[in-house]
Amino acid sequence: MQPVAKRTVDFYGGFEAEIIDDKCIKCGKCFEKCRFDAIKKTDSGNYRVNGINCEGCGVCKLIC
């Protein structure tokens, strides 16, 4: 197969999750509900977002 691209466009994703440490109460709800496995708990107990995995669905924002 040798497909030919008819056109190309730039991809613009939606929102990317951000955890604000000053406001985070470390309840872990965002971690539990993220279906893209984009939120990880660090050894220090904080949560971090992996921007590669985050699809911008906004579930974490809704439950936070």
PDB file of N, CA and C in Angstrom:
ATOM      1  N   MET A   1       0.822  -1.181   0.000  1.00  0.00           N
ATOM      2  CA  MET A   1       0.000   0.000   0.000  1.00  0.00           C
ATOM      3  C   MET A   1       0.867   1.246   0.000  1.00  0.00           C
ATOM      4  N   GLN A   2       0.500   2.170  -0.819  1.00  0.00           N
ATOM      5  CA  GLN A   2       1.232   3.432  -0.887  1.00  0.00           C
ATOM      6  C   GLN A   2       0.226   4.580  -0.913  1.00  0.00           C
ATOM      7  N   PRO A   3      -0.344   4.897   0.240  1.00  0.00           N
ATOM      8  CA  PRO A   3      -1.354   5.951   0.274  1.00  0.00           C
ATOM      9  C   PRO A   3      -0.754   7.316  -0.044  1.00  0.00           C
ATOM     10  N   VAL A   4      -1.582   8.169  -0.607  1.00  0.00           N
ATOM     11  CA  VAL A   4      -1.172   9.533  -0.920  1.00  0.00           C
ATOM     12  C   VAL A   4      -2.028  10.479  -0.078  1.00  0.00           C
ATOM     13  N   ALA A   5      -1.376  11.369   0.661  1.00  0.00           N
ATOM     14  CA  ALA A   5      -2.103  12.325   1.490  1.00  0.00           C
ATOM     15  C   ALA A   5      -2.761  13.370   0.602  1.00  0.00           C
ATOM     16  N   LYS A   6      -4.064  13.521   0.734  1.00  0.00           N
ATOM     17  CA  LYS A   6      -4.792  14.517  -0.058  1.00  0.00           C
ATOM     18  C   LYS A   6      -4.626  15.906   0.524  1.00  0.00           C
ATOM     19  N   ARG A   7      -4.561  15.971   1.853  1.00  0.00           N
ATOM     20  CA  ARG A   7      -4.306  17.248   2.511  1.00  0.00           C
ATOM     21  C   ARG A   7      -3.809  16.988   3.918  1.00  0.00           C
ATOM     22  N   THR A   8      -3.136  17.927   4.508  1.00  0.00           N
ATOM     23  CA  THR A   8      -2.687  17.846   5.892  1.00  0.00           C
ATOM     24  C   THR A   8      -3.132  19.102   6.621  1.00  0.00           C
ATOM     25  N   VAL A   9      -3.391  18.959   7.899  1.00  0.00           N
ATOM     26  CA  VAL A   9      -3.775  20.086   8.741  1.00  0.00           C
ATOM     27  C   VAL A   9      -3.067  19.959  10.078  1.00  0.00           C
ATOM     28  N   ASP A  10      -2.841  21.092  10.722  1.00  0.00           N
ATOM     29  CA  ASP A  10      -2.239  21.076  12.050  1.00  0.00           C
ATOM     30  C   ASP A  10      -3.259  20.555  13.048  1.00  0.00           C
ATOM     31  N   PHE A  11      -2.795  19.776  14.023  1.00  0.00           N
ATOM     32  CA  PHE A  11      -3.662  19.256  15.061  1.00  0.00           C
ATOM     33  C   PHE A  11      -3.581  20.165  16.282  1.00  0.00           C
ATOM     34  N   TYR A  12      -4.734  20.563  16.786  1.00  0.00           N
ATOM     35  CA  TYR A  12      -4.800  21.340  18.013  1.00  0.00           C
ATOM     36  C   TYR A  12      -5.650  20.575  19.006  1.00  0.00           C
ATOM     37  N   GLY A  13      -5.028  20.110  20.081  1.00  0.00           N
ATOM     38  CA  GLY A  13      -5.766  19.373  21.092  1.00  0.00           C
ATOM     39  C   GLY A  13      -6.545  20.306  21.993  1.00  0.00           C
ATOM     40  N   GLY A  14      -7.322  19.701  22.837  1.00  0.00           N
ATOM     41  CA  GLY A  14      -8.108  20.488  23.777  1.00  0.00           C
ATOM     42  C   GLY A  14      -7.299  20.834  25.000  1.00  0.00           C
ATOM     43  N   PHE A  15      -7.984  20.943  26.079  1.00  0.00           N
ATOM     44  CA  PHE A  15      -7.388  21.313  27.346  1.00  0.00           C
ATOM     45  C   PHE A  15      -6.456  20.197  27.834  1.00  0.00           C
ATOM     46  N   GLU A  16      -5.377  20.567  28.461  1.00  0.00           N
ATOM     47  CA  GLU A  16      -4.486  19.590  29.088  1.00  0.00           C
ATOM     48  C   GLU A  16      -4.540  19.818  30.588  1.00  0.00           C
ATOM     49  N   ALA A  17      -4.739  18.756  31.324  1.00  0.00           N
ATOM     50  CA  ALA A  17      -4.880  18.852  32.776  1.00  0.00           C
ATOM     51  C   ALA A  17      -3.645  19.468  33.413  1.00  0.00           C
ATOM     52  N   GLU A  18      -3.888  20.189  34.493  1.00  0.00           N
ATOM     53  CA  GLU A  18      -2.815  20.770  35.280  1.00  0.00           C
ATOM     54  C   GLU A  18      -3.211  20.649  36.743  1.00  0.00           C
ATOM     55  N   ILE A  19      -2.313  20.184  37.556  1.00  0.00           N
ATOM     56  CA  ILE A  19      -2.586  20.060  38.989  1.00  0.00           C
ATOM     57  C   ILE A  19      -1.872  21.200  39.700  1.00  0.00           C
ATOM     58  N   ILE A  20      -2.640  21.985  40.423  1.00  0.00           N
ATOM     59  CA  ILE A  20      -2.085  23.120  41.156  1.00  0.00           C
ATOM     60  C   ILE A  20      -1.829  22.662  42.584  1.00  0.00           C
ATOM     61  N   ASP A  21      -0.568  22.482  42.899  1.00  0.00           N
ATOM     62  CA  ASP A  21      -0.175  21.903  44.193  1.00  0.00           C
ATOM     63  C   ASP A  21      -0.737  22.666  45.384  1.00  0.00           C
ATOM     64  N   ASP A  22      -0.828  23.993  45.297  1.00  0.00           N
ATOM     65  CA  ASP A  22      -1.334  24.801  46.413  1.00  0.00           C
ATOM     66  C   ASP A  22      -2.798  24.505  46.723  1.00  0.00           C
ATOM     67  N   LYS A  23      -3.550  24.067  45.734  1.00  0.00           N
ATOM     68  CA  LYS A  23      -4.979  23.821  45.915  1.00  0.00           C
ATOM     69  C   LYS A  23      -5.327  22.337  46.030  1.00  0.00           C
ATOM     70  N   CYS A  24      -4.413  21.476  45.645  1.00  0.00           N
ATOM     71  CA  CYS A  24      -4.671  20.027  45.641  1.00  0.00           C
ATOM     72  C   CYS A  24      -4.712  19.487  47.075  1.00  0.00           C
ATOM     73  N   ILE A  25      -5.798  18.772  47.404  1.00  0.00           N
ATOM     74  CA  ILE A  25      -5.905  18.171  48.749  1.00  0.00           C
ATOM     75  C   ILE A  25      -5.470  16.702  48.744  1.00  0.00           C
ATOM     76  N   LYS A  26      -4.963  16.253  47.600  1.00  0.00           N
ATOM     77  CA  LYS A  26      -4.394  14.904  47.449  1.00  0.00           C
ATOM     78  C   LYS A  26      -5.402  13.788  47.753  1.00  0.00           C
ATOM     79  N   CYS A  27      -6.643  14.004  47.307  1.00  0.00           N
ATOM     80  CA  CYS A  27      -7.689  12.998  47.541  1.00  0.00           C
ATOM     81  C   CYS A  27      -7.573  11.820  46.575  1.00  0.00           C
ATOM     82  N   GLY A  28      -6.938  12.031  45.421  1.00  0.00           N
ATOM     83  CA  GLY A  28      -6.724  10.953  44.464  1.00  0.00           C
ATOM     84  C   GLY A  28      -7.890  10.678  43.528  1.00  0.00           C
ATOM     85  N   LYS A  29      -8.941  11.482  43.595  1.00  0.00           N
ATOM     86  CA  LYS A  29     -10.100  11.242  42.728  1.00  0.00           C
ATOM     87  C   LYS A  29      -9.741  11.398  41.254  1.00  0.00           C
ATOM     88  N   CYS A  30      -8.903  12.371  40.931  1.00  0.00           N
ATOM     89  CA  CYS A  30      -8.488  12.559  39.534  1.00  0.00           C
ATOM     90  C   CYS A  30      -7.713  11.333  39.044  1.00  0.00           C
ATOM     91  N   PHE A  31      -6.860  10.811  39.891  1.00  0.00           N
ATOM     92  CA  PHE A  31      -6.074   9.621  39.582  1.00  0.00           C
ATOM     93  C   PHE A  31      -6.978   8.414  39.324  1.00  0.00           C
ATOM     94  N   GLU A  32      -7.992   8.249  40.178  1.00  0.00           N
ATOM     95  CA  GLU A  32      -8.918   7.119  40.060  1.00  0.00           C
ATOM     96  C   GLU A  32      -9.773   7.187  38.799  1.00  0.00           C
ATOM     97  N   LYS A  33     -10.199   8.373  38.434  1.00  0.00           N
ATOM     98  CA  LYS A  33     -11.152   8.529  37.339  1.00  0.00           C
ATOM     99  C   LYS A  33     -10.523   8.719  35.962  1.00  0.00           C
ATOM    100  N   CYS A  34      -9.243   9.001  35.882  1.00  0.00           N
ATOM    101  CA  CYS A  34      -8.601   9.234  34.587  1.00  0.00           C
ATOM    102  C   CYS A  34      -8.514   7.933  33.796  1.00  0.00           C
ATOM    103  N   ARG A  35      -9.282   7.839  32.733  1.00  0.00           N
ATOM    104  CA  ARG A  35      -9.296   6.602  31.944  1.00  0.00           C
ATOM    105  C   ARG A  35      -8.130   6.513  30.968  1.00  0.00           C
ATOM    106  N   PHE A  36      -7.339   7.567  30.874  1.00  0.00           N
ATOM    107  CA  PHE A  36      -6.188   7.564  29.979  1.00  0.00           C
ATOM    108  C   PHE A  36      -4.883   7.310  30.726  1.00  0.00           C
ATOM    109  N   ASP A  37      -4.979   7.067  32.023  1.00  0.00           N
ATOM    110  CA  ASP A  37      -3.806   6.791  32.859  1.00  0.00           C
ATOM    111  C   ASP A  37      -2.786   7.933  32.764  1.00  0.00           C
ATOM    112  N   ALA A  38      -3.300   9.167  32.726  1.00  0.00           N
ATOM    113  CA  ALA A  38      -2.435  10.336  32.555  1.00  0.00           C
ATOM    114  C   ALA A  38      -1.996  10.953  33.873  1.00  0.00           C
ATOM    115  N   ILE A  39      -2.596  10.541  34.980  1.00  0.00           N
ATOM    116  CA  ILE A  39      -2.252  11.119  36.279  1.00  0.00           C
ATOM    117  C   ILE A  39      -1.570  10.058  37.129  1.00  0.00           C
ATOM    118  N   LYS A  40      -0.418  10.427  37.650  1.00  0.00           N
ATOM    119  CA  LYS A  40       0.372   9.502  38.474  1.00  0.00           C
ATOM    120  C   LYS A  40       0.642  10.127  39.833  1.00  0.00           C
ATOM    121  N   LYS A  41       0.746   9.292  40.831  1.00  0.00           N
ATOM    122  CA  LYS A  41       1.108   9.738  42.174  1.00  0.00           C
ATOM    123  C   LYS A  41       2.620   9.613  42.324  1.00  0.00           C
ATOM    124  N   THR A  42       3.254  10.670  42.804  1.00  0.00           N
ATOM    125  CA  THR A  42       4.704  10.654  42.980  1.00  0.00           C
ATOM    126  C   THR A  42       5.060  10.054  44.345  1.00  0.00           C
ATOM    127  N   ASP A  43       6.311   9.782  44.538  1.00  0.00           N
ATOM    128  CA  ASP A  43       6.784   9.241  45.815  1.00  0.00           C
ATOM    129  C   ASP A  43       6.522  10.201  46.970  1.00  0.00           C
ATOM    130  N   SER A  44       6.458  11.490  46.677  1.00  0.00           N
ATOM    131  CA  SER A  44       6.220  12.496  47.721  1.00  0.00           C
ATOM    132  C   SER A  44       4.738  12.681  48.028  1.00  0.00           C
ATOM    133  N   GLY A  45       3.862  11.939  47.322  1.00  0.00           N
ATOM    134  CA  GLY A  45       2.434  12.014  47.590  1.00  0.00           C
ATOM    135  C   GLY A  45       1.675  13.011  46.730  1.00  0.00           C
ATOM    136  N   ASN A  46       2.388  13.717  45.867  1.00  0.00           N
ATOM    137  CA  ASN A  46       1.747  14.658  44.959  1.00  0.00           C
ATOM    138  C   ASN A  46       1.279  13.926  43.700  1.00  0.00           C
ATOM    139  N   TYR A  47       0.422  14.581  42.941  1.00  0.00           N
ATOM    140  CA  TYR A  47      -0.052  14.019  41.682  1.00  0.00           C
ATOM    141  C   TYR A  47       0.483  14.844  40.528  1.00  0.00           C
ATOM    142  N   ARG A  48       0.848  14.183  39.452  1.00  0.00           N
ATOM    143  CA  ARG A  48       1.402  14.832  38.266  1.00  0.00           C
ATOM    144  C   ARG A  48       0.674  14.325  37.029  1.00  0.00           C
ATOM    145  N   VAL A  49       0.582  15.189  36.025  1.00  0.00           N
ATOM    146  CA  VAL A  49      -0.077  14.854  34.772  1.00  0.00           C
ATOM    147  C   VAL A  49       0.978  14.539  33.720  1.00  0.00           C
ATOM    148  N   ASN A  50       0.787  13.427  33.040  1.00  0.00           N
ATOM    149  CA  ASN A  50       1.622  13.082  31.898  1.00  0.00           C
ATOM    150  C   ASN A  50       0.933  13.670  30.669  1.00  0.00           C
ATOM    151  N   GLY A  51       1.501  14.742  30.120  1.00  0.00           N
ATOM    152  CA  GLY A  51       0.899  15.442  28.995  1.00  0.00           C
ATOM    153  C   GLY A  51       0.766  14.605  27.743  1.00  0.00           C
ATOM    154  N   ILE A  52       1.580  13.581  27.603  1.00  0.00           N
ATOM    155  CA  ILE A  52       1.485  12.704  26.436  1.00  0.00           C
ATOM    156  C   ILE A  52       0.210  11.866  26.514  1.00  0.00           C
ATOM    157  N   ASN A  53      -0.125  11.379  27.697  1.00  0.00           N
ATOM    158  CA  ASN A  53      -1.311  10.530  27.859  1.00  0.00           C
ATOM    159  C   ASN A  53      -2.608  11.317  27.976  1.00  0.00           C
ATOM    160  N   CYS A  54      -2.528  12.564  28.426  1.00  0.00           N
ATOM    161  CA  CYS A  54      -3.734  13.364  28.668  1.00  0.00           C
ATOM    162  C   CYS A  54      -4.435  13.668  27.346  1.00  0.00           C
ATOM    163  N   GLU A  55      -5.712  13.331  27.284  1.00  0.00           N
ATOM    164  CA  GLU A  55      -6.511  13.570  26.074  1.00  0.00           C
ATOM    165  C   GLU A  55      -7.397  14.798  26.204  1.00  0.00           C
ATOM    166  N   GLY A  56      -7.342  15.480  27.330  1.00  0.00           N
ATOM    167  CA  GLY A  56      -8.094  16.710  27.500  1.00  0.00           C
ATOM    168  C   GLY A  56      -9.593  16.525  27.679  1.00  0.00           C
ATOM    169  N   CYS A  57     -10.000  15.391  28.222  1.00  0.00           N
ATOM    170  CA  CYS A  57     -11.437  15.108  28.367  1.00  0.00           C
ATOM    171  C   CYS A  57     -12.097  15.964  29.448  1.00  0.00           C
ATOM    172  N   GLY A  58     -11.324  16.405  30.455  1.00  0.00           N
ATOM    173  CA  GLY A  58     -11.845  17.277  31.488  1.00  0.00           C
ATOM    174  C   GLY A  58     -12.486  16.592  32.676  1.00  0.00           C
ATOM    175  N   VAL A  59     -12.442  15.271  32.744  1.00  0.00           N
ATOM    176  CA  VAL A  59     -13.041  14.550  33.881  1.00  0.00           C
ATOM    177  C   VAL A  59     -12.374  14.984  35.181  1.00  0.00           C
ATOM    178  N   CYS A  60     -11.091  15.123  35.171  1.00  0.00           N
ATOM    179  CA  CYS A  60     -10.376  15.515  36.400  1.00  0.00           C
ATOM    180  C   CYS A  60     -10.838  16.885  36.884  1.00  0.00           C
ATOM    181  N   LYS A  61     -11.068  17.777  35.967  1.00  0.00           N
ATOM    182  CA  LYS A  61     -11.517  19.121  36.327  1.00  0.00           C
ATOM    183  C   LYS A  61     -12.920  19.087  36.916  1.00  0.00           C
ATOM    184  N   LEU A  62     -13.775  18.233  36.372  1.00  0.00           N
ATOM    185  CA  LEU A  62     -15.145  18.129  36.860  1.00  0.00           C
ATOM    186  C   LEU A  62     -15.246  17.574  38.276  1.00  0.00           C
ATOM    187  N   ILE A  63     -14.387  16.625  38.607  1.00  0.00           N
ATOM    188  CA  ILE A  63     -14.488  15.986  39.926  1.00  0.00           C
ATOM    189  C   ILE A  63     -13.609  16.623  40.989  1.00  0.00           C
ATOM    190  N   CYS A  64     -12.750  17.529  40.576  1.00  0.00           N
ATOM    191  CA  CYS A  64     -11.821  18.149  41.526  1.00  0.00           C
ATOM    192  C   CYS A  64     -12.554  19.160  42.398  1.00  0.00           C
TER     193      CYS A  64
END
